[in-house]
C-alpha atoms as a PDB file:
ATOM      1  CA  MET A   1       0.000   0.000   0.000  1.00  0.00           C
ATOM      2  CA  SER A   2       1.375   3.389  -0.987  1.00  0.00           C
ATOM      3  CA  GLN A   3       1.282   5.961   1.776  1.00  0.00           C
ATOM      4  CA  THR A   4       1.210   9.690   1.354  1.00  0.00           C
ATOM      5  CA  HIS A   5       4.030  11.887   2.540  1.00  0.00           C
ATOM      6  CA  GLU A   6       2.001  12.961   5.582  1.00  0.00           C
ATOM      7  CA  GLN A   7       1.199   9.377   6.535  1.00  0.00           C
ATOM      8  CA  ARG A   8       4.848   8.325   6.313  1.00  0.00           C
ATOM      9  CA  LEU A   9       6.000  11.353   8.296  1.00  0.00           C
ATOM     10  CA  THR A  10       3.405  10.666  10.988  1.00  0.00           C
ATOM     11  CA  ALA A  11       4.535   7.049  11.166  1.00  0.00           C
ATOM     12  CA  LEU A  12       8.170   8.123  11.571  1.00  0.00           C
ATOM     13  CA  GLU A  13       7.252  10.600  14.300  1.00  0.00           C
ATOM     14  CA  SER A  14       5.179   7.980  16.116  1.00  0.00           C
ATOM     15  CA  GLU A  15       8.034   5.499  15.935  1.00  0.00           C
ATOM     16  CA  ALA A  16      10.427   8.117  17.296  1.00  0.00           C
ATOM     17  CA  PHE A  17       8.068   8.907  20.166  1.00  0.00           C
ATOM     18  CA  ARG A  18       7.561   5.214  21.059  1.00  0.00           C
ATOM     19  CA  ASN A  19      11.258   4.535  20.926  1.00  0.00           C
ATOM     20  CA  ASN A  20      12.383   7.729  22.612  1.00  0.00           C
ATOM     21  CA  GLY A  21      14.617   5.874  25.027  1.00  0.00           C
ATOM     22  CA  ARG A  22      16.240   3.824  22.266  1.00  0.00           C
ATOM     23  CA  PHE A  23      16.930   6.881  20.127  1.00  0.00           C
ATOM     24  CA  SER A  24      18.791   8.733  22.809  1.00  0.00           C
ATOM     25  CA  ASP A  25      22.075   7.680  21.278  1.00  0.00           C
ATOM     26  CA  LEU A  26      23.479   9.453  18.235  1.00  0.00           C
ATOM     27  CA  GLY A  27      23.228   6.371  15.984  1.00  0.00           C
ATOM     28  CA  GLY A  28      19.497   6.104  16.597  1.00  0.00           C
ATOM     29  CA  GLN A  29      18.968   9.756  15.802  1.00  0.00           C
ATOM     30  CA  VAL A  30      20.984   9.411  12.615  1.00  0.00           C
ATOM     31  CA  GLY A  31      18.892   6.388  11.698  1.00  0.00           C
ATOM     32  CA  LEU A  32      15.695   8.333  12.238  1.00  0.00           C
ATOM     33  CA  LEU A  33      16.988  11.218  10.126  1.00  0.00           C
ATOM     34  CA  ARG A  34      18.138   8.824   7.421  1.00  0.00           C
ATOM     35  CA  GLY A  35      14.672   7.288   7.327  1.00  0.00           C
ATOM     36  CA  ALA A  36      13.065  10.725   7.014  1.00  0.00           C
ATOM     37  CA  VAL A  37      15.467  11.715   4.230  1.00  0.00           C
ATOM     38  CA  ASP A  38      14.789   8.453   2.392  1.00  0.00           C
ATOM     39  CA  GLU A  39      11.053   9.067   2.613  1.00  0.00           C
ATOM     40  CA  LEU A  40      11.409  12.635   1.359  1.00  0.00           C
ATOM     41  CA  SER A  41      13.664  11.470  -1.466  1.00  0.00           C
ATOM     42  CA  ALA A  42      11.070   8.914  -2.520  1.00  0.00           C
ATOM     43  CA  ASP A  43       8.415  11.630  -2.480  1.00  0.00           C
ATOM     44  CA  LEU A  44      10.597  13.912  -4.601  1.00  0.00           C
ATOM     45  CA  ARG A  45      11.252  11.158  -7.151  1.00  0.00           C
ATOM     46  CA  GLU A  46       7.533  10.406  -7.363  1.00  0.00           C
ATOM     47  CA  HIS A  47       6.717  14.115  -7.712  1.00  0.00           C
ATOM     48  CA  ARG A  48       9.378  14.524 -10.407  1.00  0.00           C
ATOM     49  CA  GLN A  49       7.913  11.612 -12.390  1.00  0.00           C
ATOM     50  CA  ASP A  50       4.374  13.002 -12.038  1.00  0.00           C
ATOM     51  CA  THR A  51       5.596  16.413 -13.182  1.00  0.00           C
ATOM     52  CA  LYS A  52       7.340  14.917 -16.231  1.00  0.00           C
ATOM     53  CA  GLU A  53       4.152  13.085 -17.191  1.00  0.00           C
ATOM     54  CA  GLN A  54       2.076  16.236 -16.793  1.00  0.00           C
ATOM     55  CA  PHE A  55       4.511  18.269 -18.895  1.00  0.00           C
ATOM     56  CA  ALA A  56       4.474  15.571 -21.567  1.00  0.00           C
ATOM     57  CA  ALA A  57       0.673  15.765 -21.707  1.00  0.00           C
ATOM     58  CA  VAL A  58       0.750  19.577 -21.941  1.00  0.00           C
ATOM     59  CA  ASN A  59       3.422  19.463 -24.658  1.00  0.00           C
ATOM     60  CA  GLN A  60       1.307  16.996 -26.613  1.00  0.00           C
ATOM     61  CA  ARG A  61      -1.661  19.373 -26.414  1.00  0.00           C
ATOM     62  CA  PHE A  62       0.520  22.275 -27.566  1.00  0.00           C
ATOM     63  CA  ASP A  63       1.683  20.185 -30.517  1.00  0.00           C
ATOM     64  CA  GLY A  64      -1.965  19.642 -31.448  1.00  0.00           C
ATOM     65  CA  VAL A  65      -2.677  23.363 -31.169  1.00  0.00           C
ATOM     66  CA  ASP A  66       0.389  24.144 -33.313  1.00  0.00           C
ATOM     67  CA  THR A  67      -0.869  21.739 -35.977  1.00  0.00           C
ATOM     68  CA  ARG A  68      -4.275  23.414 -36.018  1.00  0.00           C
ATOM     69  CA  LEU A  69      -2.707  26.876 -36.169  1.00  0.00           C
ATOM     70  CA  ASP A  70      -0.549  25.771 -39.113  1.00  0.00           C
ATOM     71  CA  GLY A  71      -3.764  24.701 -40.920  1.00  0.00           C
ATOM     72  CA  ILE A  72      -5.423  28.019 -40.164  1.00  0.00           C
ATOM     73  CA  ASP A  73      -2.304  29.842 -41.340  1.00  0.00           C
ATOM     74  CA  GLY A  74      -2.443  27.924 -44.619  1.00  0.00           C
ATOM     75  CA  ARG A  75      -6.084  28.863 -45.108  1.00  0.00           C
ATOM     76  CA  LEU A  76      -5.360  32.517 -44.362  1.00  0.00           C
ATOM     77  CA  ASP A  77      -2.505  32.470 -46.877  1.00  0.00           C
ATOM     78  CA  GLY A  78      -4.944  31.115 -49.460  1.00  0.00           C
ATOM     79  CA  MET A  79      -7.485  33.821 -48.652  1.00  0.00           C
ATOM     80  CA  ASP A  80      -4.745  36.443 -48.839  1.00  0.00           C
ATOM     81  CA  GLY A  81      -3.850  35.191 -52.318  1.00  0.00           C
ATOM     82  CA  LEU A  82      -7.487  35.403 -53.438  1.00  0.00           C
ATOM     83  CA  LEU A  83      -7.812  38.937 -52.066  1.00  0.00           C
ATOM     84  CA  ARG A  84      -4.659  39.972 -53.915  1.00  0.00           C
ATOM     85  CA  GLN A  85      -6.130  38.572 -57.157  1.00  0.00           C
ATOM     86  CA  ILE A  86      -9.373  40.447 -56.566  1.00  0.00           C
ATOM     87  CA  LEU A  87      -7.455  43.654 -55.887  1.00  0.00           C
ATOM     88  CA  ALA A  88      -5.438  43.149 -59.062  1.00  0.00           C
ATOM     89  CA  VAL A  89      -8.669  43.009 -61.050  1.00  0.00           C
ATOM     90  CA  VAL A  90     -10.394  45.852 -59.203  1.00  0.00           C
ATOM     91  CA  THR A  91      -7.428  48.230 -58.912  1.00  0.00           C
ATOM     92  CA  PRO A  92      -7.252  49.191 -62.622  1.00  0.00           C
ATOM     93  CA  ALA A  93     -10.797  50.533 -62.387  1.00  0.00           C
ATOM     94  CA  THR A  94      -9.638  53.871 -60.977  1.00  0.00           C
ATOM     95  CA  PRO A  95     -11.463  57.049 -62.017  1.00  0.00           C
ATOM     96  CA  GLU A  96      -8.813  57.744 -64.668  1.00  0.00           C
ATOM     97  CA  VAL A  97      -9.359  54.339 -66.285  1.00  0.00           C
ATOM     98  CA  VAL A  98     -13.118  54.835 -66.147  1.00  0.00           C
ATOM     99  CA  ARG A  99     -12.767  58.243 -67.908  1.00  0.00           C
ATOM    100  CA  GLN A 100     -10.773  56.592 -70.679  1.00  0.00           C
ATOM    101  CA  HIS A 101     -13.545  54.085 -71.341  1.00  0.00           C
ATOM    102  CA  VAL A 102     -16.460  56.445 -70.937  1.00  0.00           C
ATOM    103  CA  GLY A 103     -16.958  59.324 -73.358  1.00  0.00           C
ATOM    104  CA  ALA A 104     -16.571  62.906 -72.289  1.00  0.00           C
ATOM    105  CA  PRO A 105     -19.766  64.451 -70.975  1.00  0.00           C
ATOM    106  CA  THR A 106     -21.794  66.183 -73.622  1.00  0.00           C
ATOM    107  CA  GLY A 107     -23.421  69.350 -72.833  1.00  0.00           C
END
């Protein structure tokens, strides 16, 4: 059964309290500290692995978003090309060009 950090810390503290007389020597105290450090190290390794997995999931989502944005960018480039073609056709119809094709007003 996997215990949480709090549960393991509580267990270590309880053990230290029960064995207070046995841990009066330096070796016992070092052993208790070593146990606490081992537990914290295990927690850090587990947290690091969880964090890596979460970052991998986020990176995968960003890759999907990038793919969609590339598709949208392609569509916008196509629309930009169409608008440029339309402008090329419409631009020559300036008032000067219209005057050339339409007779001078008669009066």
